N, C-alpha and C. Protein backbone atom coordinates (compact mmCIF):
# COMPACT_ATOMS: atom_id res chain seq x y z
N UNK A 1 -14.43 135.69 14.91
CA UNK A 1 -14.61 137.02 15.22
C UNK A 1 -14.51 137.74 14.03
N UNK A 2 -15.37 137.57 13.07
CA UNK A 2 -14.95 138.39 11.90
C UNK A 2 -15.54 139.54 11.97
N UNK A 3 -17.09 139.83 12.25
CA UNK A 3 -17.46 141.37 12.44
C UNK A 3 -16.42 142.42 13.45
N UNK A 4 -16.08 141.52 14.56
CA UNK A 4 -15.11 142.25 15.72
C UNK A 4 -14.15 142.81 14.97
N UNK A 5 -13.36 141.67 14.32
CA UNK A 5 -11.99 142.02 13.82
C UNK A 5 -12.19 143.19 12.73
N UNK A 6 -13.16 143.27 11.92
CA UNK A 6 -13.50 144.18 10.78
C UNK A 6 -13.83 145.41 11.52
N UNK A 7 -14.53 145.66 12.93
CA UNK A 7 -14.61 146.86 13.63
C UNK A 7 -13.01 147.15 14.15
N UNK A 8 -12.34 146.22 14.61
CA UNK A 8 -10.91 146.70 15.17
C UNK A 8 -10.01 147.14 13.90
N UNK A 9 -10.27 146.42 12.74
CA UNK A 9 -9.31 146.90 11.74
C UNK A 9 -9.77 148.27 11.47
N UNK A 10 -10.76 149.06 11.83
CA UNK A 10 -11.29 150.40 11.83
C UNK A 10 -10.47 151.18 12.60
N UNK A 11 -9.87 150.69 13.90
CA UNK A 11 -9.43 151.50 15.15
C UNK A 11 -7.68 151.91 14.44
N UNK A 12 -7.50 153.42 15.03
CA UNK A 12 -6.25 153.67 14.25
C UNK A 12 -5.35 153.34 15.49
N UNK A 13 -3.95 153.80 15.23
CA UNK A 13 -2.97 153.67 16.07
C UNK A 13 -3.33 154.33 17.48
N UNK A 14 -3.69 155.38 17.56
CA UNK A 14 -3.85 156.20 18.71
C UNK A 14 -4.64 155.33 19.72
N UNK A 15 -5.75 154.38 19.43
CA UNK A 15 -6.59 153.67 19.97
C UNK A 15 -6.37 152.44 19.89
N UNK A 16 -5.03 151.82 19.81
CA UNK A 16 -4.54 150.29 19.62
C UNK A 16 -4.80 149.80 21.08
N UNK A 17 -4.89 150.22 22.08
CA UNK A 17 -4.94 149.63 23.23
C UNK A 17 -6.47 149.19 23.42
N UNK A 18 -7.47 149.94 22.67
CA UNK A 18 -9.01 149.34 22.77
C UNK A 18 -8.99 148.07 21.93
N UNK A 19 -8.09 148.28 20.50
CA UNK A 19 -8.27 147.17 19.63
C UNK A 19 -8.00 145.99 20.20
N UNK A 20 -6.81 145.95 20.87
CA UNK A 20 -6.31 144.83 21.49
C UNK A 20 -7.21 144.25 22.67
N UNK A 21 -7.75 145.38 23.65
CA UNK A 21 -8.34 145.10 24.44
C UNK A 21 -9.85 144.49 24.00
N UNK A 22 -10.39 144.75 23.16
CA UNK A 22 -11.76 144.20 22.58
C UNK A 22 -11.49 142.71 22.23
N UNK A 23 -10.55 142.34 21.63
CA UNK A 23 -9.99 141.09 21.57
C UNK A 23 -10.28 140.30 22.61
N UNK A 24 -9.31 140.79 23.40
CA UNK A 24 -8.89 139.92 24.81
C UNK A 24 -10.05 139.86 25.66
N UNK A 25 -11.08 140.69 25.94
CA UNK A 25 -11.86 140.77 27.06
C UNK A 25 -13.09 139.65 26.42
N UNK A 26 -13.20 139.31 25.15
CA UNK A 26 -14.15 138.43 24.53
C UNK A 26 -13.84 137.21 24.43
N UNK A 27 -12.59 136.79 24.61
CA UNK A 27 -11.78 135.75 24.30
C UNK A 27 -11.03 134.70 25.87
N UNK A 28 -10.74 136.02 26.43
CA UNK A 28 -9.76 135.50 27.78
C UNK A 28 -10.36 135.25 29.11
N UNK A 29 -11.48 135.49 29.09
CA UNK A 29 -12.17 135.42 30.41
C UNK A 29 -11.82 134.32 31.26
N UNK A 30 -11.40 134.41 32.29
CA UNK A 30 -11.21 133.03 33.22
C UNK A 30 -12.30 132.91 34.07
N UNK A 31 -12.92 133.72 34.48
CA UNK A 31 -14.21 133.78 35.62
C UNK A 31 -15.61 133.24 34.87
N UNK A 32 -15.56 133.84 33.57
CA UNK A 32 -17.04 134.00 33.13
C UNK A 32 -17.12 132.94 31.90
N UNK A 33 -18.45 131.95 31.68
CA UNK A 33 -18.33 131.43 30.60
C UNK A 33 -18.52 131.99 29.56
N UNK A 34 -18.45 131.43 28.31
CA UNK A 34 -18.32 132.07 26.91
C UNK A 34 -19.68 132.77 26.84
N UNK A 35 -20.88 132.16 27.47
CA UNK A 35 -22.24 132.64 26.81
C UNK A 35 -22.14 133.88 27.81
N UNK A 36 -21.89 133.81 29.13
CA UNK A 36 -21.66 134.98 29.96
C UNK A 36 -20.93 136.02 29.54
N UNK A 37 -19.90 136.02 28.76
CA UNK A 37 -19.22 136.97 28.20
C UNK A 37 -19.78 137.66 27.12
N UNK A 38 -20.31 136.99 26.12
CA UNK A 38 -21.08 137.47 24.97
C UNK A 38 -22.11 138.03 25.43
N UNK A 39 -23.06 137.57 26.69
CA UNK A 39 -23.94 138.27 26.79
C UNK A 39 -24.02 139.71 27.27
N UNK A 40 -22.92 139.45 28.55
CA UNK A 40 -22.48 141.17 28.94
C UNK A 40 -21.90 141.89 28.02
N UNK A 41 -21.15 141.26 26.82
CA UNK A 41 -20.74 142.54 26.02
C UNK A 41 -21.90 142.84 25.00
N UNK A 42 -22.78 141.88 24.63
CA UNK A 42 -23.91 142.39 23.92
C UNK A 42 -24.72 143.58 24.91
N UNK A 43 -25.26 143.20 25.84
CA UNK A 43 -25.74 144.07 26.91
C UNK A 43 -25.27 145.23 26.99
N UNK A 44 -23.85 145.51 27.16
CA UNK A 44 -22.98 146.90 27.13
C UNK A 44 -23.47 147.35 25.83
N UNK A 45 -23.21 146.83 24.70
CA UNK A 45 -23.28 147.70 23.54
C UNK A 45 -24.88 148.00 23.19
N UNK A 46 -25.98 147.27 23.71
CA UNK A 46 -27.25 147.77 23.90
C UNK A 46 -27.54 148.97 24.66
N UNK A 47 -26.86 148.84 25.88
CA UNK A 47 -26.99 149.82 27.26
C UNK A 47 -26.52 151.31 26.60
N UNK A 48 -25.19 151.22 25.82
CA UNK A 48 -24.61 152.57 25.24
C UNK A 48 -25.18 152.89 24.03
N UNK A 49 -26.06 151.96 23.56
CA UNK A 49 -26.88 152.44 22.46
C UNK A 49 -25.77 152.27 21.15
N UNK A 50 -25.00 151.44 20.99
CA UNK A 50 -23.93 151.51 19.73
C UNK A 50 -24.48 150.17 19.04
N UNK A 51 -25.53 150.48 18.03
CA UNK A 51 -26.18 149.35 17.23
C UNK A 51 -24.97 148.71 16.25
N UNK A 52 -23.82 149.35 15.91
CA UNK A 52 -22.75 148.71 14.97
C UNK A 52 -22.01 147.36 16.03
N UNK A 53 -21.64 147.87 17.28
CA UNK A 53 -21.17 147.07 18.01
C UNK A 53 -22.05 145.80 18.46
N UNK A 54 -23.40 146.11 18.65
CA UNK A 54 -24.31 145.21 19.09
C UNK A 54 -24.29 144.29 17.91
N UNK A 55 -24.57 144.67 16.61
CA UNK A 55 -24.89 143.55 15.59
C UNK A 55 -23.24 143.02 15.37
N UNK A 56 -22.49 143.39 15.65
CA UNK A 56 -21.12 142.67 15.17
C UNK A 56 -20.92 141.59 16.39
N UNK A 57 -21.40 141.97 17.70
CA UNK A 57 -21.39 140.94 18.74
C UNK A 57 -22.24 139.82 18.72
N UNK A 58 -23.52 140.35 18.31
CA UNK A 58 -24.48 139.09 17.86
C UNK A 58 -24.28 138.34 16.71
N UNK A 59 -23.70 138.76 15.94
CA UNK A 59 -23.06 137.87 14.73
C UNK A 59 -21.79 137.04 15.19
N UNK A 60 -20.83 137.66 15.65
CA UNK A 60 -19.70 136.62 16.18
C UNK A 60 -19.87 135.85 17.45
N UNK A 61 -20.96 136.09 18.26
CA UNK A 61 -21.09 135.09 19.38
C UNK A 61 -21.68 133.74 18.53
N UNK A 62 -22.54 133.99 17.67
CA UNK A 62 -23.06 132.68 17.09
C UNK A 62 -23.73 131.87 18.16
N UNK A 63 -23.33 130.36 18.03
CA UNK A 63 -24.27 129.59 18.97
C UNK A 63 -23.48 129.71 20.33
N UNK A 64 -22.58 130.46 20.73
CA UNK A 64 -22.18 130.74 22.01
C UNK A 64 -23.04 131.44 22.83
N UNK A 65 -24.27 132.01 21.87
CA UNK A 65 -25.09 132.81 22.87
C UNK A 65 -26.37 132.35 22.33
N UNK A 66 -27.38 131.74 23.31
CA UNK A 66 -28.54 131.57 23.11
C UNK A 66 -29.52 132.64 22.69
N UNK A 67 -30.61 132.19 22.15
CA UNK A 67 -31.47 133.31 21.82
C UNK A 67 -32.11 133.80 23.32
N UNK A 68 -32.39 132.70 24.47
CA UNK A 68 -32.74 133.42 25.50
C UNK A 68 -31.75 134.46 26.08
N UNK A 69 -30.51 134.11 26.05
CA UNK A 69 -29.28 134.82 26.68
C UNK A 69 -29.42 136.24 25.66
N UNK A 70 -29.34 136.02 24.31
CA UNK A 70 -29.67 137.37 23.79
C UNK A 70 -31.16 138.26 24.26
N UNK A 71 -31.99 137.51 24.42
CA UNK A 71 -33.39 138.59 25.00
C UNK A 71 -32.86 139.04 26.36
N UNK A 72 -32.10 138.11 27.31
CA UNK A 72 -31.68 138.67 28.68
C UNK A 72 -31.09 139.83 28.58
N UNK A 73 -29.90 139.88 27.45
CA UNK A 73 -29.19 141.12 27.44
C UNK A 73 -29.94 142.30 27.03
N UNK A 74 -30.73 142.05 26.05
CA UNK A 74 -31.62 143.18 25.83
C UNK A 74 -32.42 143.66 27.08
N UNK A 75 -33.11 142.82 27.69
CA UNK A 75 -33.93 142.98 28.66
C UNK A 75 -33.27 144.00 29.62
N UNK A 76 -31.90 143.28 30.21
CA UNK A 76 -31.17 143.77 30.88
C UNK A 76 -30.82 145.38 30.72
N UNK A 77 -30.47 145.68 29.23
CA UNK A 77 -29.90 146.74 29.16
C UNK A 77 -31.10 147.81 29.36
N UNK A 78 -32.33 147.24 28.96
CA UNK A 78 -33.57 148.20 29.05
C UNK A 78 -33.96 148.56 30.60
N UNK A 79 -33.80 147.54 31.22
CA UNK A 79 -34.36 147.75 32.51
C UNK A 79 -33.30 148.51 33.34
N UNK A 80 -32.10 148.58 33.10
CA UNK A 80 -30.89 148.81 33.82
C UNK A 80 -30.73 150.54 33.26
N UNK A 81 -31.26 150.75 32.12
CA UNK A 81 -31.54 152.06 31.57
C UNK A 81 -32.44 153.04 32.42
N UNK A 82 -33.58 152.33 32.90
CA UNK A 82 -34.39 152.95 33.49
C UNK A 82 -34.01 153.05 35.08
N UNK A 83 -33.41 151.65 35.74
CA UNK A 83 -33.22 151.93 36.90
C UNK A 83 -31.91 152.71 37.51
N UNK A 84 -30.99 152.86 36.43
CA UNK A 84 -29.90 153.63 36.65
C UNK A 84 -30.26 155.18 36.82
N UNK A 85 -31.26 155.52 35.82
CA UNK A 85 -31.88 156.83 36.15
C UNK A 85 -32.47 156.96 37.43
N UNK A 86 -33.48 156.30 37.71
CA UNK A 86 -34.30 156.53 38.77
C UNK A 86 -33.46 156.26 40.21
N UNK A 87 -33.00 155.34 40.26
CA UNK A 87 -32.23 154.89 41.41
C UNK A 87 -30.96 155.97 41.97
N UNK A 88 -30.04 156.15 40.83
CA UNK A 88 -29.18 157.12 40.88
C UNK A 88 -29.50 158.70 41.45
N UNK A 89 -30.98 159.03 40.70
CA UNK A 89 -31.52 160.48 41.40
C UNK A 89 -31.86 160.23 42.86
N UNK A 90 -32.26 159.10 43.35
CA UNK A 90 -32.64 158.95 44.53
C UNK A 90 -31.49 159.18 45.60
N UNK A 91 -30.35 158.11 45.09
CA UNK A 91 -28.99 158.40 45.79
C UNK A 91 -28.41 159.74 45.70
N UNK A 92 -28.47 160.44 44.80
CA UNK A 92 -28.02 161.88 44.60
C UNK A 92 -28.72 162.94 45.39
N UNK A 93 -29.99 162.77 45.31
CA UNK A 93 -30.53 163.80 46.07
C UNK A 93 -30.62 163.43 47.42
N UNK A 94 -30.60 162.48 48.15
CA UNK A 94 -30.04 161.85 49.33
C UNK A 94 -31.29 162.36 50.29
N UNK A 95 -32.62 162.52 50.16
CA UNK A 95 -33.54 162.65 50.91
C UNK A 95 -34.38 161.33 51.49
N UNK A 96 -34.32 161.10 52.53
CA UNK A 96 -35.10 159.80 52.93
C UNK A 96 -36.60 159.79 52.71
N UNK A 97 -36.97 160.80 52.25
CA UNK A 97 -38.61 160.99 51.70
C UNK A 97 -38.67 160.19 50.48
N UNK A 98 -37.77 160.53 49.51
CA UNK A 98 -37.81 159.73 48.06
C UNK A 98 -37.72 158.22 48.24
N UNK A 99 -36.80 158.07 49.32
CA UNK A 99 -36.30 156.61 49.59
C UNK A 99 -37.49 155.66 50.02
N UNK A 100 -38.34 156.38 50.69
CA UNK A 100 -39.73 155.53 51.23
C UNK A 100 -40.72 155.46 50.33
N UNK A 101 -40.56 156.36 49.14
CA UNK A 101 -41.54 156.27 47.98
C UNK A 101 -41.44 155.07 47.40
N UNK A 102 -42.58 154.26 47.05
CA UNK A 102 -42.34 153.04 46.20
C UNK A 102 -41.89 153.55 44.88
N UNK A 103 -41.03 152.50 44.33
CA UNK A 103 -40.53 152.89 42.95
C UNK A 103 -41.64 152.76 41.73
N UNK A 104 -42.65 151.75 42.01
CA UNK A 104 -43.58 151.61 41.14
C UNK A 104 -43.30 151.11 39.78
N UNK A 105 -42.04 150.78 39.64
CA UNK A 105 -41.56 150.59 38.25
C UNK A 105 -41.41 148.82 38.01
N UNK A 106 -41.74 148.17 36.93
CA UNK A 106 -41.94 147.13 36.67
C UNK A 106 -40.60 146.83 36.27
N UNK A 107 -39.94 145.65 37.03
CA UNK A 107 -38.58 145.12 36.62
C UNK A 107 -38.90 143.31 36.86
N UNK A 108 -39.80 142.71 36.30
CA UNK A 108 -40.01 141.43 36.70
C UNK A 108 -39.23 140.46 36.21
N UNK A 109 -38.44 140.90 35.04
CA UNK A 109 -37.57 140.06 34.10
C UNK A 109 -36.26 139.69 34.98
N UNK A 110 -35.94 140.75 36.07
CA UNK A 110 -34.65 140.56 36.95
C UNK A 110 -34.97 139.30 37.86
N UNK A 111 -36.10 139.04 38.04
CA UNK A 111 -36.41 137.84 38.93
C UNK A 111 -36.57 136.45 38.15
N UNK A 112 -37.11 136.75 37.36
CA UNK A 112 -37.27 135.47 36.29
C UNK A 112 -36.90 135.79 34.88
N UNK A 113 -35.31 135.93 34.63
CA UNK A 113 -34.87 135.82 33.30
C UNK A 113 -35.02 134.52 32.76
N UNK A 114 -34.81 134.69 31.16
CA UNK A 114 -34.92 133.58 30.51
C UNK A 114 -33.80 132.72 30.60
N UNK A 115 -32.98 133.27 30.81
CA UNK A 115 -31.46 132.24 31.15
C UNK A 115 -31.38 131.93 32.90
N UNK A 116 -30.63 132.97 33.44
CA UNK A 116 -30.38 132.56 34.83
C UNK A 116 -30.31 133.86 36.05
N UNK A 117 -30.51 133.90 36.73
CA UNK A 117 -30.36 135.17 37.62
C UNK A 117 -28.88 135.63 37.82
N UNK A 118 -28.02 134.61 37.73
CA UNK A 118 -26.55 135.07 37.62
C UNK A 118 -25.98 135.98 36.43
N UNK A 119 -26.90 135.26 35.32
CA UNK A 119 -26.38 136.03 34.01
C UNK A 119 -26.97 137.33 33.77
N UNK A 120 -28.26 137.47 34.29
CA UNK A 120 -28.78 138.87 34.37
C UNK A 120 -28.00 139.72 35.15
N UNK A 121 -27.63 139.13 36.20
CA UNK A 121 -26.85 140.25 37.32
C UNK A 121 -25.80 140.54 36.92
N UNK A 122 -25.01 139.79 36.25
CA UNK A 122 -23.71 139.97 35.30
C UNK A 122 -23.75 141.36 34.18
N UNK A 123 -24.85 141.12 33.63
CA UNK A 123 -25.48 141.88 32.43
C UNK A 123 -25.57 143.30 33.39
N UNK A 124 -26.47 143.26 34.40
CA UNK A 124 -26.72 144.33 35.33
C UNK A 124 -25.74 145.27 36.01
N UNK A 125 -24.74 144.65 36.45
CA UNK A 125 -23.66 144.97 37.09
C UNK A 125 -22.78 146.03 35.76
N UNK A 126 -22.33 145.23 34.63
CA UNK A 126 -21.81 145.90 33.62
C UNK A 126 -22.50 147.52 33.20
N UNK A 127 -23.94 147.42 33.32
CA UNK A 127 -24.64 148.56 33.14
C UNK A 127 -24.68 149.53 34.08
N UNK A 128 -24.69 149.01 35.30
CA UNK A 128 -24.44 149.81 36.63
C UNK A 128 -23.17 150.64 36.58
N UNK A 129 -22.22 149.64 36.15
CA UNK A 129 -20.73 150.67 35.96
C UNK A 129 -20.75 151.46 34.89
N UNK A 130 -21.30 151.48 33.72
CA UNK A 130 -21.36 152.13 32.60
C UNK A 130 -21.99 153.42 33.02
N UNK A 131 -23.17 153.32 33.82
CA UNK A 131 -23.89 154.50 34.29
C UNK A 131 -23.34 155.47 35.30
N UNK A 132 -22.64 154.64 36.18
CA UNK A 132 -21.84 155.07 37.64
C UNK A 132 -22.92 155.55 38.48
N UNK A 133 -24.17 154.38 38.37
CA UNK A 133 -24.99 154.27 39.79
C UNK A 133 -24.44 153.43 40.82
N UNK A 134 -24.17 154.47 42.00
CA UNK A 134 -23.56 153.57 42.99
C UNK A 134 -24.36 152.68 43.88
N UNK A 135 -25.73 153.14 43.93
CA UNK A 135 -26.50 152.27 44.50
C UNK A 135 -26.87 150.95 43.69
N UNK A 136 -26.88 151.27 42.31
CA UNK A 136 -26.99 149.89 41.59
C UNK A 136 -25.92 148.99 41.62
N UNK A 137 -24.39 149.62 41.79
CA UNK A 137 -23.54 148.90 41.70
C UNK A 137 -23.43 148.04 42.84
N UNK A 138 -23.70 148.65 43.86
CA UNK A 138 -23.62 147.96 45.14
C UNK A 138 -24.63 147.02 45.45
N UNK A 139 -25.70 147.38 44.87
CA UNK A 139 -26.90 146.26 44.90
C UNK A 139 -26.56 145.08 44.18
N UNK A 140 -26.17 145.04 42.76
CA UNK A 140 -25.94 144.04 42.02
C UNK A 140 -24.65 143.23 42.29
N UNK A 141 -23.56 144.17 42.90
CA UNK A 141 -22.16 143.57 43.30
C UNK A 141 -22.54 142.61 44.36
N UNK A 142 -23.32 143.08 45.18
CA UNK A 142 -23.64 142.11 46.85
C UNK A 142 -24.49 140.81 46.11
N UNK A 143 -25.55 140.91 45.05
CA UNK A 143 -26.11 139.86 44.62
C UNK A 143 -24.99 138.64 43.97
N UNK A 144 -24.11 139.47 43.12
CA UNK A 144 -23.38 138.48 42.35
C UNK A 144 -22.31 137.77 43.42
N UNK A 145 -21.63 138.46 44.33
CA UNK A 145 -20.86 137.95 45.16
C UNK A 145 -21.49 137.02 46.05
N UNK A 146 -22.59 137.07 46.33
CA UNK A 146 -23.26 136.35 47.28
C UNK A 146 -23.46 134.69 46.63
N UNK A 147 -23.33 134.79 45.23
CA UNK A 147 -23.58 133.47 44.60
C UNK A 147 -22.47 133.06 43.56
N UNK A 148 -21.77 134.08 43.46
CA UNK A 148 -20.50 133.64 42.63
C UNK A 148 -19.24 134.44 43.04
N UNK A 149 -18.50 135.28 42.48
CA UNK A 149 -17.08 135.67 43.01
C UNK A 149 -16.89 137.00 42.57
N UNK A 150 -16.25 137.75 43.27
CA UNK A 150 -15.72 139.14 42.85
C UNK A 150 -15.12 139.16 41.61
N UNK A 151 -14.48 137.79 41.26
CA UNK A 151 -13.88 137.75 39.79
C UNK A 151 -14.84 137.64 38.73
N UNK A 152 -16.03 137.24 39.12
CA UNK A 152 -16.94 137.39 38.10
C UNK A 152 -17.38 138.97 37.74
N UNK A 153 -17.71 139.58 38.75
CA UNK A 153 -17.71 140.89 38.99
C UNK A 153 -16.90 141.51 37.94
N UNK A 154 -15.79 141.31 38.32
CA UNK A 154 -14.56 142.03 37.78
C UNK A 154 -14.61 142.04 36.24
N UNK A 155 -14.75 140.76 35.88
CA UNK A 155 -14.72 140.44 34.30
C UNK A 155 -15.98 141.22 33.84
N UNK A 156 -17.39 141.00 34.43
CA UNK A 156 -18.11 141.91 33.75
C UNK A 156 -18.17 143.26 33.59
N UNK A 157 -17.56 143.98 34.66
CA UNK A 157 -17.19 145.32 34.61
C UNK A 157 -16.09 145.50 33.24
N UNK A 158 -15.13 144.56 33.36
CA UNK A 158 -14.07 145.01 32.67
C UNK A 158 -14.72 144.69 31.00
N UNK A 159 -15.54 144.07 30.71
CA UNK A 159 -16.08 144.10 29.49
C UNK A 159 -16.86 145.08 29.10
N UNK A 160 -17.74 145.57 30.18
CA UNK A 160 -18.65 146.64 29.77
C UNK A 160 -17.67 147.93 29.67
N UNK A 161 -16.71 148.08 30.43
CA UNK A 161 -15.55 149.33 30.19
C UNK A 161 -15.16 148.97 28.67
N UNK A 162 -14.85 147.88 28.09
CA UNK A 162 -13.75 147.63 27.13
C UNK A 162 -14.98 148.08 25.70
N UNK A 163 -16.18 147.57 26.00
CA UNK A 163 -17.16 148.12 24.99
C UNK A 163 -17.45 149.42 24.92
N UNK A 164 -17.54 150.24 25.98
CA UNK A 164 -17.58 151.51 25.99
C UNK A 164 -16.36 152.19 25.31
N UNK A 165 -15.38 151.66 25.68
CA UNK A 165 -14.07 152.35 25.04
C UNK A 165 -13.67 152.25 23.65
N UNK A 166 -14.45 150.75 23.00
CA UNK A 166 -14.44 150.63 21.60
C UNK A 166 -15.42 151.40 20.97
N UNK A 167 -16.47 151.54 21.58
CA UNK A 167 -17.43 152.53 21.05
C UNK A 167 -16.80 154.09 20.62
N UNK A 168 -16.39 154.49 21.60
CA UNK A 168 -15.77 155.76 21.52
C UNK A 168 -14.54 155.68 20.47
N UNK A 169 -13.62 154.65 20.43
CA UNK A 169 -12.49 154.56 19.44
C UNK A 169 -12.94 154.37 18.10
N UNK A 170 -14.44 154.10 18.04
CA UNK A 170 -15.04 153.86 16.80
C UNK A 170 -15.53 154.88 16.36
N UNK A 171 -15.92 156.25 17.13
CA UNK A 171 -16.83 156.96 16.81
C UNK A 171 -15.86 158.23 16.17
């Protein structure tokens, strides 16, 4: 984790917790595979638009993150950037009329990712949590717990939270 450690070394004493958390969430997940861990971290960095963190994650992931997983991380971040705005709006307005209108938004990659639906959903739940979109969180959590477990969801959200915190700590 050479590049991640370089970033960690830039973190001052007041944000020491993030320095430690960044290392632990990338190396100590008991629920997620190494590829899932790195993909969620990369997707989260893309989602919060932190190119420096994304670059470090990509570099340090090495062979742990396939080209397909890298592509899915980018696709999930982009689709969720769109979806969290749209579905959060519909939920917050609370009018049934908007809920009846077709979204008309392409998101085919969600059902046909380059890796697996589970990996794409793990990336998606992290983005949903980062944006605070209740409807998206509920939808992706239900899909994940039907196929995986609450531990998987928990780990993905933890990773997203730490990536966001690390980004703030480095700014």
